[in-house]
Amino acid sequence: MKTSFDSLDVQGKRELISGIIETTISNFLYYDRKNCELLSVDDLENALREKIITEEEIIELFKEHLEHNLV
């Protein structure tokens, strides 16, 4: 079955994937945190500020989970 993705050229496919990744990151950092009782936006920002976790560690965790799920 052909999807709308199939009708895009390579650059269009790359831009679509990039946009979805951007949305996923926005959801993780803000939209999914807005009413979350487990980890609010402020909690996450404080954890970064207090060096409980670093940006690099978050990036590495995303990378690990992506690699694990792509296999």
Protein backbone atom coordinates (compact mmCIF):
# COMPACT_ATOMS: atom_id res chain seq x y z
CA MET A 1 0.00 0.00 0.00
CA LYS A 2 1.42 3.36 -1.02
CA THR A 3 1.48 6.12 1.59
CA SER A 4 1.83 9.88 1.25
CA PHE A 5 5.42 9.44 2.47
CA ASP A 6 6.11 7.43 -0.69
CA SER A 7 5.09 10.38 -2.86
CA LEU A 8 7.72 12.70 -1.33
CA ASP A 9 11.18 13.23 -2.77
CA VAL A 10 14.21 12.45 -0.61
CA GLN A 11 14.43 16.00 0.77
CA GLY A 12 10.72 15.99 1.57
CA LYS A 13 11.07 12.67 3.39
CA ARG A 14 14.02 14.02 5.40
CA GLU A 15 12.09 17.19 6.30
CA LEU A 16 9.05 15.17 7.38
CA ILE A 17 11.16 12.89 9.59
CA SER A 18 12.92 15.94 11.06
CA GLY A 19 9.57 17.58 11.83
CA ILE A 20 8.29 14.47 13.58
CA ILE A 21 11.48 14.31 15.66
CA GLU A 22 11.06 17.97 16.59
CA THR A 23 7.47 17.30 17.68
CA THR A 24 8.58 14.30 19.74
CA ILE A 25 11.20 16.38 21.55
CA SER A 26 8.71 19.20 22.16
CA ASN A 27 6.28 16.68 23.61
CA PHE A 28 8.97 15.23 25.90
CA LEU A 29 10.18 18.61 27.13
CA TYR A 30 6.89 20.48 27.41
CA TYR A 31 3.55 19.18 26.20
CA ASP A 32 3.73 15.78 27.93
CA ARG A 33 5.01 17.52 31.09
CA LYS A 34 2.29 20.19 31.38
CA ASN A 35 -0.07 18.16 33.56
CA CYS A 36 2.23 15.30 34.46
CA GLU A 37 2.32 14.52 38.16
CA LEU A 38 5.42 12.35 37.80
CA LEU A 39 7.69 14.86 36.05
CA SER A 40 6.50 18.42 35.43
CA VAL A 41 8.18 20.98 33.20
CA ASP A 42 9.58 22.64 36.32
CA ASP A 43 10.84 19.31 37.68
CA LEU A 44 12.70 18.60 34.45
CA GLU A 45 14.14 22.12 34.27
CA ASN A 46 15.24 21.90 37.91
CA ALA A 47 16.82 18.51 37.34
CA LEU A 48 18.86 19.99 34.49
CA ARG A 49 19.77 23.12 36.46
CA GLU A 50 20.81 21.07 39.51
CA LYS A 51 22.81 18.68 37.29
CA ILE A 52 20.74 15.68 38.40
CA ILE A 53 20.82 14.87 34.71
CA THR A 54 22.59 16.68 31.89
CA GLU A 55 21.48 17.51 28.38
CA GLU A 56 24.16 15.13 27.14
CA GLU A 57 22.75 12.30 29.27
CA ILE A 58 19.24 12.93 27.95
CA ILE A 59 20.57 12.89 24.38
CA GLU A 60 22.45 9.66 25.07
CA LEU A 61 19.31 8.06 26.54
CA PHE A 62 17.31 9.02 23.46
CA LYS A 63 20.09 7.62 21.28
CA GLU A 64 20.26 4.33 23.24
CA HIS A 65 16.50 3.82 23.11
CA LEU A 66 16.37 4.71 19.41
CA GLU A 67 19.17 2.28 18.59
CA HIS A 68 17.56 -0.45 20.70
CA ASN A 69 14.20 -0.03 19.00
CA LEU A 70 15.58 0.19 15.46
CA VAL A 71 17.21 -3.24 15.69
